[in-house]
Amino acid sequence: MPPKNHPARNVIYIHTHDMGRYISPYGYPVPTPNLQKFTKDSTLFRQAFSGAPTCSPSRACLLTGVTAHESGMWGLAHKGFKLSNPENHLAAFLRRNGFETVLCGIQHEFSDHSEDKPYDHIYKEQPSSDEEKADAAIEYLKQEHTKPFFLSLGFFYPHRKYKQADYNVYNPDHIRPPDGIPDTDETRKDMADYHCSVEDADANIGRVLQCIQETGRDQDSIIIITTDHGLAFPSMKCNLNDQGMGVTLMMDYPGNPAKGTATDSLVSHLDIYPTLCDLLELEPPDYLEGTSIRPLFEGNADHIREEVFAEVNFHGAYEPMRCVRTNRYKLIKRYYSGPRRLSNCDGSHTRNVMLEKGWQHDELPAVELFDLFFDPLEFRNLAGSPTYADILKDLEQKLTNWMKETNDPLLQGDITPLPGALVNVPESISAGDGPFIQY
């Protein structure tokens, strides 16, 4: 491993819920001035993707460095799904390498009562406001530190239920709902509430970033700001389109030669763990599947991967899907039949509007192929087009190879959760209300 030419010794990992890329640094008219300011100090990844765009599986991919199905996190931690090897968690790995590990606020890789959480200190996990979570992180950052530290700071917002916006301030008449969502009074109000909620997250992130600078931690720390997956709107979160798996990702470290720039290179959440090992000069564990992003920072490569892969298994109900995405094309394969799994879409005013028009009756195709250059919103399925037959065949082979290399249980048939897991029946309307299957 090449010698380290920067003084980074700590890791500050700041993460939000359900934010996707709907913030101002990605070109959306959403009030996130502190995140916008951070773009001047960091590298912005415009094509970063979750490995599994549901809450616990997404975080498991980032924090174990392997696919969700290999980590064992097929579904939600608070519904009984567990990491097969909690000792592989990034915090556990860093603790073994002499780091103090600290959690302030949200995590979703372990149940609330799990004894496997690899943190030396836990502050304001539940219940607490995002302001209290930020306060705890600020208090920790102001302390003297004799050891390098890993600080995980998790915010609730902009998860639903959103904060109620003041519509005199966030005027729905001047707010556009996300791409692909009907433009109605109800959906505009729903998006106004998102604006209010994400601005709350931005304000608290801004307070922490200011403290990082005031305490000099920006001079000796790697800083990561990301989210788990896309917005909690219909056909986004829990889906393998870019609206579901596309994530915010900004990173900085002392001496970052790509400070203040943005890149369109494909990266996955799985690439963060090996990147940290690279920048911290730690021998990466042999189970990691991602690729270090360091060459992109240093300008030694214009890309680190040709494709990214992602999956969905359980959120509320069982809805197995897999995809491969290159710079131009995407293949999505569904391994179930029937209508949409409504319990995998968070309740909202927008969902209600769409249900009134029959959205719940859609049966999605088993195979979808998209040309993302001409169809970035993934509306035109080309799987049956003779023109794209060779591309379809190539992507299907890439996906099959990945599934084999990662021992994907779907190759053997349906996935059966471990005993104790709670799963909604396919007909469930709400993830929280059931009815459930107890394994």
Protein backbone atom coordinates (compact mmCIF):
# COMPACT_ATOMS: atom_id res chain seq x y z
CA MET A 1 0.00 0.00 0.00
CA PRO A 2 1.47 3.43 -0.93
CA PRO A 3 2.58 5.67 1.95
CA LYS A 4 -0.06 7.97 3.39
CA ASN A 5 0.52 11.62 2.46
CA HIS A 6 -2.11 13.11 4.73
CA PRO A 7 -2.66 13.19 8.52
CA ALA A 8 -6.12 11.57 8.68
CA ARG A 9 -6.55 9.46 11.80
CA ASN A 10 -10.28 9.71 12.58
CA VAL A 11 -13.48 8.88 10.69
CA ILE A 12 -16.64 10.98 10.99
CA TYR A 13 -19.57 9.26 9.29
CA ILE A 14 -22.69 11.44 9.01
CA HIS A 15 -25.80 9.79 7.62
CA THR A 16 -29.43 10.71 7.03
CA HIS A 17 -32.59 8.70 6.40
CA ASP A 18 -34.35 8.53 3.01
CA MET A 19 -32.71 11.56 1.36
CA GLY A 20 -31.60 10.17 -1.99
CA ARG A 21 -30.10 13.06 -3.93
CA TYR A 22 -32.91 15.55 -3.45
CA ILE A 23 -30.69 18.32 -2.09
CA SER A 24 -29.23 21.46 -3.64
CA PRO A 25 -25.73 20.03 -4.36
CA TYR A 26 -27.38 17.70 -6.88
CA GLY A 27 -29.24 20.52 -8.59
CA TYR A 28 -32.59 20.35 -6.85
CA PRO A 29 -34.21 23.53 -5.50
CA VAL A 30 -34.25 22.17 -1.97
CA PRO A 31 -32.95 24.37 0.88
CA THR A 32 -29.74 22.66 2.04
CA PRO A 33 -27.22 25.52 2.39
CA ASN A 34 -24.86 23.68 4.74
CA LEU A 35 -24.57 20.66 2.48
CA GLN A 36 -24.08 23.05 -0.42
CA LYS A 37 -21.29 24.79 1.48
CA PHE A 38 -19.62 21.43 2.20
CA THR A 39 -19.22 20.82 -1.55
CA LYS A 40 -16.42 23.41 -1.48
CA ASP A 41 -14.51 21.29 1.04
CA SER A 42 -15.31 17.83 -0.27
CA THR A 43 -15.63 15.62 -3.33
CA LEU A 44 -19.19 15.10 -4.58
CA PHE A 45 -20.07 11.75 -6.14
CA ARG A 46 -22.89 12.28 -8.62
CA GLN A 47 -23.30 8.59 -9.44
CA ALA A 48 -23.16 6.90 -6.03
CA PHE A 49 -25.50 4.02 -5.30
CA SER A 50 -26.81 1.99 -2.40
CA GLY A 51 -26.20 -1.73 -2.56
CA ALA A 52 -29.67 -2.49 -1.21
CA PRO A 53 -32.10 0.47 -1.07
CA THR A 54 -34.00 -0.44 2.07
CA CYS A 55 -33.05 0.83 5.51
CA SER A 56 -31.07 -1.91 7.28
CA PRO A 57 -29.73 -3.72 4.20
CA SER A 58 -28.36 -0.48 2.74
CA ARG A 59 -26.45 0.35 5.91
CA ALA A 60 -25.25 -3.23 6.18
CA CYS A 61 -23.70 -3.01 2.72
CA LEU A 62 -21.80 0.16 3.59
CA LEU A 63 -20.71 -0.97 7.06
CA THR A 64 -19.77 -4.58 6.32
CA GLY A 65 -18.39 -4.06 2.82
CA VAL A 66 -20.34 -7.00 1.38
CA THR A 67 -23.71 -7.49 -0.28
CA ALA A 68 -26.84 -7.47 1.82
CA HIS A 69 -27.52 -11.14 1.12
CA GLU A 70 -24.01 -12.12 2.21
CA SER A 71 -24.15 -10.01 5.36
CA GLY A 72 -27.39 -11.76 6.40
CA MET A 73 -29.24 -8.44 6.50
CA TRP A 74 -32.03 -9.43 4.10
CA GLY A 75 -34.57 -7.20 5.84
CA LEU A 76 -35.07 -4.77 8.70
CA ALA A 77 -33.11 -5.16 11.94
CA HIS A 78 -36.07 -4.18 14.12
CA LYS A 79 -38.07 -6.98 12.46
CA GLY A 80 -35.65 -9.70 13.44
CA PHE A 81 -33.08 -9.71 10.64
CA LYS A 82 -29.46 -9.91 11.80
CA LEU A 83 -25.91 -9.60 10.55
CA SER A 84 -24.38 -13.05 10.12
CA ASN A 85 -20.98 -11.72 11.19
CA PRO A 86 -21.37 -8.61 13.34
CA GLU A 87 -17.62 -8.70 13.96
CA ASN A 88 -17.17 -7.60 10.32
CA HIS A 89 -18.95 -4.30 10.95
CA LEU A 90 -16.72 -1.31 10.20
CA ALA A 91 -16.89 -0.07 13.80
CA ALA A 92 -15.84 -3.50 15.11
CA PHE A 93 -12.96 -3.62 12.63
CA LEU A 94 -11.75 -0.15 13.59
CA ARG A 95 -12.09 -0.93 17.29
CA ARG A 96 -9.82 -3.93 16.81
CA ASN A 97 -7.37 -1.53 15.18
CA GLY A 98 -7.22 0.81 18.16
CA PHE A 99 -10.07 3.21 17.41
CA GLU A 100 -12.58 4.48 19.94
CA THR A 101 -16.02 3.86 18.42
CA VAL A 102 -18.93 6.18 19.12
CA LEU A 103 -22.56 6.24 18.00
CA CYS A 104 -24.65 9.40 18.23
CA GLY A 105 -28.25 8.88 17.14
CA ILE A 106 -29.66 6.50 14.55
CA GLN A 107 -28.25 3.15 13.48
CA HIS A 108 -30.22 0.42 11.76
CA GLU A 109 -27.86 -2.55 11.55
CA PHE A 110 -28.75 -3.91 14.99
CA SER A 111 -31.98 -4.21 16.94
CA ASP A 112 -32.45 -1.75 19.77
CA HIS A 113 -31.65 -4.42 22.35
CA SER A 114 -28.75 -6.07 20.51
CA GLU A 115 -25.61 -6.70 22.52
CA ASP A 116 -23.52 -6.86 19.33
CA LYS A 117 -23.35 -3.10 18.71
CA PRO A 118 -19.63 -2.45 18.23
CA TYR A 119 -19.53 0.94 19.94
CA ASP A 120 -17.60 1.98 23.03
CA HIS A 121 -20.06 4.81 23.64
CA ILE A 122 -23.67 5.30 22.53
CA TYR A 123 -25.44 8.65 22.87
CA LYS A 124 -29.01 9.69 22.04
CA GLU A 125 -29.90 6.61 20.03
CA GLN A 126 -33.57 6.40 21.01
CA PRO A 127 -35.66 8.37 21.67
CA SER A 128 -34.20 11.78 20.93
CA SER A 129 -34.54 14.65 18.52
CA ASP A 130 -32.06 15.29 15.74
CA GLU A 131 -30.99 18.43 17.60
CA GLU A 132 -30.04 16.27 20.60
CA LYS A 133 -28.17 13.86 18.33
CA ALA A 134 -26.15 16.75 16.90
CA ASP A 135 -25.56 18.13 20.41
CA ALA A 136 -24.14 14.78 21.51
CA ALA A 137 -21.78 14.63 18.54
CA ILE A 138 -20.65 18.21 19.14
CA GLU A 139 -19.99 17.47 22.81
CA TYR A 140 -17.92 14.43 21.83
CA LEU A 141 -15.94 16.32 19.19
CA LYS A 142 -15.01 19.01 21.72
CA GLN A 143 -13.43 16.46 24.05
CA GLU A 144 -9.72 15.64 24.10
CA HIS A 145 -8.96 12.41 22.25
CA THR A 146 -5.93 10.28 22.94
CA LYS A 147 -7.01 7.59 20.47
CA PRO A 148 -8.22 7.83 16.89
CA PHE A 149 -12.00 7.64 16.76
CA PHE A 150 -14.84 6.49 14.55
CA LEU A 151 -17.92 8.67 15.07
CA SER A 152 -21.20 7.54 13.51
CA LEU A 153 -23.79 10.32 13.57
CA GLY A 154 -27.22 9.26 12.34
CA PHE A 155 -30.15 11.62 11.82
CA PHE A 156 -33.81 10.62 11.61
CA TYR A 157 -34.87 13.24 9.06
CA PRO A 158 -35.86 13.32 6.27
CA HIS A 159 -37.53 10.01 7.14
CA ARG A 160 -41.30 10.02 7.35
CA LYS A 161 -43.32 11.17 9.17
CA TYR A 162 -42.12 14.52 7.83
CA LYS A 163 -42.20 17.71 9.82
CA GLN A 164 -45.31 19.75 9.08
CA ALA A 165 -44.16 22.67 6.96
CA ASP A 166 -45.37 26.22 7.35
CA TYR A 167 -46.90 26.65 3.90
CA ASN A 168 -46.42 30.40 4.13
CA VAL A 169 -42.69 29.68 4.17
CA TYR A 170 -42.63 26.53 2.03
CA ASN A 171 -45.30 27.52 -0.47
CA PRO A 172 -46.54 24.34 -2.22
CA ASP A 173 -47.57 26.41 -5.25
CA HIS A 174 -43.87 26.97 -5.92
CA ILE A 175 -42.64 23.46 -5.16
CA ARG A 176 -42.41 20.61 -7.63
CA PRO A 177 -42.83 16.98 -6.51
CA PRO A 178 -40.09 14.51 -7.42
CA ASP A 179 -39.72 13.36 -11.00
CA GLY A 180 -42.27 10.68 -11.81
CA ILE A 181 -44.74 11.77 -9.12
CA PRO A 182 -48.08 13.35 -10.17
CA ASP A 183 -48.15 17.12 -9.76
CA THR A 184 -51.16 17.78 -7.52
CA ASP A 185 -51.92 19.99 -4.56
CA GLU A 186 -51.48 17.03 -2.19
CA THR A 187 -48.17 15.90 -3.65
CA ARG A 188 -46.80 19.44 -3.64
CA LYS A 189 -47.69 19.77 0.04
CA ASP A 190 -46.03 16.43 0.70
CA MET A 191 -42.89 17.67 -1.01
CA ALA A 192 -43.07 20.94 0.93
CA ASP A 193 -42.98 18.85 4.11
CA TYR A 194 -39.92 17.06 2.71
CA HIS A 195 -38.26 20.44 2.11
CA CYS A 196 -38.94 21.38 5.73
CA SER A 197 -37.62 18.06 7.04
CA VAL A 198 -34.45 17.98 4.97
CA GLU A 199 -33.73 21.60 5.90
CA ASP A 200 -33.89 20.49 9.54
CA ALA A 201 -31.34 17.77 8.81
CA ASP A 202 -29.17 20.25 6.93
CA ALA A 203 -29.22 22.72 9.84
CA ASN A 204 -28.03 20.06 12.29
CA ILE A 205 -25.38 18.78 9.90
CA GLY A 206 -24.22 22.38 9.52
CA ARG A 207 -23.80 22.75 13.27
CA VAL A 208 -21.67 19.61 13.37
CA LEU A 209 -19.57 20.65 10.37
CA GLN A 210 -18.93 24.01 12.04
CA CYS A 211 -17.79 22.22 15.21
CA ILE A 212 -15.52 19.98 13.14
CA GLN A 213 -13.79 23.06 11.79
CA GLU A 214 -13.65 24.89 15.13
CA THR A 215 -12.08 21.89 16.86
CA GLY A 216 -9.63 21.25 14.04
CA ARG A 217 -11.03 17.81 13.34
CA ASP A 218 -11.17 18.68 9.62
CA GLN A 219 -7.36 18.61 9.77
CA ASP A 220 -7.10 15.01 10.96
CA SER A 221 -10.38 13.30 9.98
CA ILE A 222 -12.02 11.64 7.02
CA ILE A 223 -15.54 13.05 6.73
CA ILE A 224 -18.33 11.14 4.99
CA ILE A 225 -21.85 12.46 4.39
CA THR A 226 -24.33 10.07 2.83
CA THR A 227 -27.83 8.61 3.10
CA ASP A 228 -29.22 5.09 2.95
CA HIS A 229 -31.33 5.27 -0.24
CA GLY A 230 -33.91 7.27 -2.15
CA LEU A 231 -36.88 9.30 -0.98
CA ALA A 232 -39.83 7.63 0.77
CA PHE A 233 -42.15 8.31 -2.17
CA PRO A 234 -43.88 5.68 -4.33
CA SER A 235 -41.53 3.80 -6.68
CA MET A 236 -38.40 5.22 -5.04
CA LYS A 237 -37.27 3.78 -1.69
CA CYS A 238 -37.28 -0.05 -1.90
CA ASN A 239 -36.89 0.05 -5.68
CA LEU A 240 -33.94 -0.52 -7.99
CA ASN A 241 -34.42 2.46 -10.25
CA ASP A 242 -32.00 5.34 -9.78
CA GLN A 243 -34.66 7.16 -7.75
CA GLY A 244 -34.44 4.32 -5.24
CA MET A 245 -30.77 3.33 -5.21
CA GLY A 246 -29.15 6.69 -6.00
CA VAL A 247 -27.63 8.31 -2.91
CA THR A 248 -25.93 11.47 -1.76
CA LEU A 249 -22.23 10.92 -1.17
CA MET A 250 -19.71 13.60 -0.24
CA MET A 251 -16.29 12.82 1.21
CA ASP A 252 -13.29 14.82 2.38
CA TYR A 253 -10.00 14.20 4.12
CA PRO A 254 -6.94 16.35 4.91
CA GLY A 255 -5.05 17.16 1.72
CA ASN A 256 -7.81 15.81 -0.53
CA PRO A 257 -6.56 16.76 -4.01
CA ALA A 258 -10.12 16.56 -5.38
CA LYS A 259 -11.53 19.02 -2.85
CA GLY A 260 -14.34 21.12 -4.31
CA THR A 261 -14.89 18.89 -7.34
CA ALA A 262 -17.57 16.46 -8.50
CA THR A 263 -17.22 13.17 -10.34
CA ASP A 264 -19.59 11.13 -12.51
CA SER A 265 -17.68 7.89 -11.89
CA LEU A 266 -19.81 4.99 -10.69
CA VAL A 267 -19.32 4.19 -7.02
CA SER A 268 -21.15 1.95 -4.58
CA HIS A 269 -21.64 2.16 -0.83
CA LEU A 270 -19.54 -1.03 -0.79
CA ASP A 271 -16.55 1.07 -1.86
CA ILE A 272 -16.47 3.19 1.30
CA TYR A 273 -15.06 0.51 3.65
CA PRO A 274 -12.04 -0.31 1.43
CA THR A 275 -11.49 3.41 0.84
CA LEU A 276 -11.21 4.00 4.58
CA CYS A 277 -8.76 1.13 4.91
CA ASP A 278 -6.71 2.65 2.08
CA LEU A 279 -6.67 6.19 3.49
CA LEU A 280 -5.99 5.03 7.06
CA GLU A 281 -3.27 2.58 5.97
CA LEU A 282 -5.06 -0.40 7.49
CA GLU A 283 -4.80 -3.81 5.91
CA PRO A 284 -8.25 -4.39 4.38
CA PRO A 285 -10.02 -7.55 5.51
CA ASP A 286 -10.25 -10.18 2.80
CA TYR A 287 -14.05 -10.27 2.81
CA LEU A 288 -14.45 -6.76 1.35
CA GLU A 289 -16.04 -6.66 -2.10
CA GLY A 290 -15.79 -2.98 -2.98
CA THR A 291 -12.97 -0.99 -4.53
CA SER A 292 -11.08 1.92 -2.99
CA ILE A 293 -12.17 5.32 -4.28
CA ARG A 294 -8.71 6.76 -3.55
CA PRO A 295 -7.61 6.73 -7.25
CA LEU A 296 -10.53 9.05 -8.05
CA PHE A 297 -9.43 11.49 -5.36
CA GLU A 298 -5.85 11.46 -6.57
CA GLY A 299 -6.62 11.58 -10.28
CA ASN A 300 -4.92 8.26 -10.99
CA ALA A 301 -8.04 6.84 -12.64
CA ASP A 302 -11.21 8.19 -14.22
CA HIS A 303 -13.25 5.25 -12.94
CA ILE A 304 -12.90 2.39 -10.45
CA ARG A 305 -15.68 0.07 -11.64
CA GLU A 306 -17.63 -0.75 -14.79
CA GLU A 307 -20.91 -1.48 -13.07
CA VAL A 308 -22.73 -1.45 -9.74
CA PHE A 309 -25.12 -4.09 -8.42
CA ALA A 310 -28.04 -3.75 -6.04
CA GLU A 311 -30.79 -5.86 -4.51
CA VAL A 312 -34.04 -5.85 -2.56
CA ASN A 313 -35.28 -8.80 -0.50
CA PHE A 314 -37.50 -7.83 2.44
CA HIS A 315 -38.68 -4.48 3.74
CA GLY A 316 -42.24 -4.95 4.86
CA ALA A 317 -43.07 -7.84 2.52
CA TYR A 318 -40.92 -10.20 0.46
CA GLU A 319 -40.12 -8.55 -2.88
CA PRO A 320 -36.89 -10.05 -4.28
CA MET A 321 -35.18 -8.04 -7.03
CA ARG A 322 -31.68 -7.74 -8.45
CA CYS A 323 -30.07 -5.25 -10.82
CA VAL A 324 -26.88 -4.36 -12.61
CA ARG A 325 -26.21 -0.79 -13.71
CA THR A 326 -23.47 0.44 -16.02
CA ASN A 327 -22.83 4.03 -17.06
CA ARG A 328 -25.46 3.71 -19.77
CA TYR A 329 -27.68 0.68 -19.16
CA LYS A 330 -29.59 -0.96 -16.36
CA LEU A 331 -31.09 -4.44 -16.04
CA ILE A 332 -33.65 -5.16 -13.30
CA LYS A 333 -34.92 -8.69 -12.64
CA ARG A 334 -37.84 -9.47 -10.33
CA TYR A 335 -38.15 -12.87 -8.72
CA TYR A 336 -41.81 -12.66 -7.71
CA SER A 337 -45.16 -12.19 -9.40
CA GLY A 338 -48.30 -10.24 -8.64
CA PRO A 339 -49.14 -6.63 -7.82
CA ARG A 340 -46.92 -4.16 -5.99
CA ARG A 341 -46.03 -4.90 -2.38
CA LEU A 342 -47.68 -1.87 -0.80
CA SER A 343 -46.12 -2.48 2.62
CA ASN A 344 -42.76 -1.69 1.01
CA CYS A 345 -43.90 1.86 0.26
CA ASP A 346 -44.17 4.21 3.24
CA GLY A 347 -47.59 5.71 3.87
CA SER A 348 -47.95 9.30 2.68
CA HIS A 349 -50.34 11.80 1.13
CA THR A 350 -48.66 11.08 -2.19
CA ARG A 351 -49.23 7.35 -1.87
CA ASN A 352 -52.89 7.99 -1.03
CA VAL A 353 -53.32 10.09 -4.16
CA MET A 354 -51.80 7.37 -6.30
CA LEU A 355 -53.81 4.59 -4.66
CA GLU A 356 -57.00 6.49 -5.46
CA LYS A 357 -56.03 6.25 -9.14
CA GLY A 358 -55.26 2.51 -9.03
CA TRP A 359 -51.47 2.48 -8.65
CA GLN A 360 -51.73 -0.61 -6.42
CA HIS A 361 -52.93 -2.79 -9.30
CA ASP A 362 -49.76 -2.49 -11.37
CA GLU A 363 -47.98 -5.78 -12.03
CA LEU A 364 -44.38 -4.98 -12.84
CA PRO A 365 -42.47 -6.98 -15.49
CA ALA A 366 -40.05 -9.71 -14.52
CA VAL A 367 -37.29 -8.18 -16.66
CA GLU A 368 -36.62 -4.53 -17.39
CA LEU A 369 -33.85 -3.01 -19.50
CA PHE A 370 -33.26 0.73 -19.71
CA ASP A 371 -31.03 2.93 -21.83
CA LEU A 372 -30.24 5.53 -19.19
CA PHE A 373 -28.78 8.01 -21.66
CA PHE A 374 -32.07 8.45 -23.51
CA ASP A 375 -34.35 7.38 -20.66
CA PRO A 376 -32.86 8.55 -17.34
CA LEU A 377 -36.19 8.17 -15.50
CA GLU A 378 -36.48 4.51 -16.59
CA PHE A 379 -39.92 4.67 -18.17
CA ARG A 380 -39.30 2.73 -21.42
CA ASN A 381 -38.60 -0.99 -20.99
CA LEU A 382 -36.38 -2.24 -23.83
CA ALA A 383 -36.14 -5.87 -22.70
CA GLY A 384 -38.19 -7.01 -25.69
CA SER A 385 -36.40 -4.88 -28.28
CA PRO A 386 -34.29 -6.77 -30.88
CA THR A 387 -32.03 -3.74 -31.11
CA TYR A 388 -30.96 -4.23 -27.49
CA ALA A 389 -30.84 -8.04 -27.49
CA ASP A 390 -27.05 -8.25 -27.21
CA ILE A 391 -26.97 -5.68 -24.41
CA LEU A 392 -29.67 -7.60 -22.54
CA LYS A 393 -27.72 -10.84 -22.90
CA ASP A 394 -24.50 -9.22 -21.69
CA LEU A 395 -26.13 -7.65 -18.63
CA GLU A 396 -27.95 -10.87 -17.76
CA GLN A 397 -24.61 -12.67 -17.79
CA LYS A 398 -23.01 -9.98 -15.60
CA LEU A 399 -25.87 -10.26 -13.12
CA THR A 400 -25.74 -14.06 -13.06
CA ASN A 401 -21.98 -14.03 -12.54
CA TRP A 402 -22.33 -11.58 -9.65
CA MET A 403 -25.04 -13.68 -8.03
CA LYS A 404 -22.84 -16.77 -8.27
CA GLU A 405 -19.72 -14.99 -7.00
CA THR A 406 -21.61 -13.65 -3.98
CA ASN A 407 -23.47 -16.91 -3.23
CA ASP A 408 -26.85 -15.29 -3.72
CA PRO A 409 -29.48 -17.54 -2.11
CA LEU A 410 -31.97 -16.56 -4.82
CA LEU A 411 -30.11 -18.92 -7.16
CA GLN A 412 -31.51 -21.77 -5.04
CA GLY A 413 -35.06 -20.42 -4.88
CA ASP A 414 -36.99 -18.21 -2.46
CA ILE A 415 -35.18 -16.87 0.59
CA THR A 416 -36.44 -18.11 3.95
CA PRO A 417 -35.74 -15.73 6.86
CA LEU A 418 -34.09 -16.96 10.02
CA PRO A 419 -36.35 -17.86 12.95
CA GLY A 420 -37.74 -14.79 14.68
CA ALA A 421 -38.02 -12.57 11.59
CA LEU A 422 -41.29 -10.72 11.05
CA VAL A 423 -42.50 -10.27 7.46
CA ASN A 424 -45.67 -8.72 6.07
CA VAL A 425 -47.89 -10.91 3.95
CA PRO A 426 -47.85 -9.81 0.27
CA GLU A 427 -51.30 -8.22 0.56
CA SER A 428 -50.38 -5.97 3.48
CA ILE A 429 -51.10 -2.29 3.03
CA SER A 430 -48.76 -0.98 5.74
CA ALA A 431 -45.40 -2.30 6.95
CA GLY A 432 -46.25 -1.47 10.53
CA ASP A 433 -49.81 -2.74 10.70
CA GLY A 434 -49.48 -6.23 9.23
CA PRO A 435 -50.77 -8.86 8.92
CA PHE A 436 -47.43 -10.58 9.51
CA ILE A 437 -45.74 -13.92 9.11
CA GLN A 438 -43.59 -14.86 12.13
CA TYR A 439 -40.75 -17.20 11.15
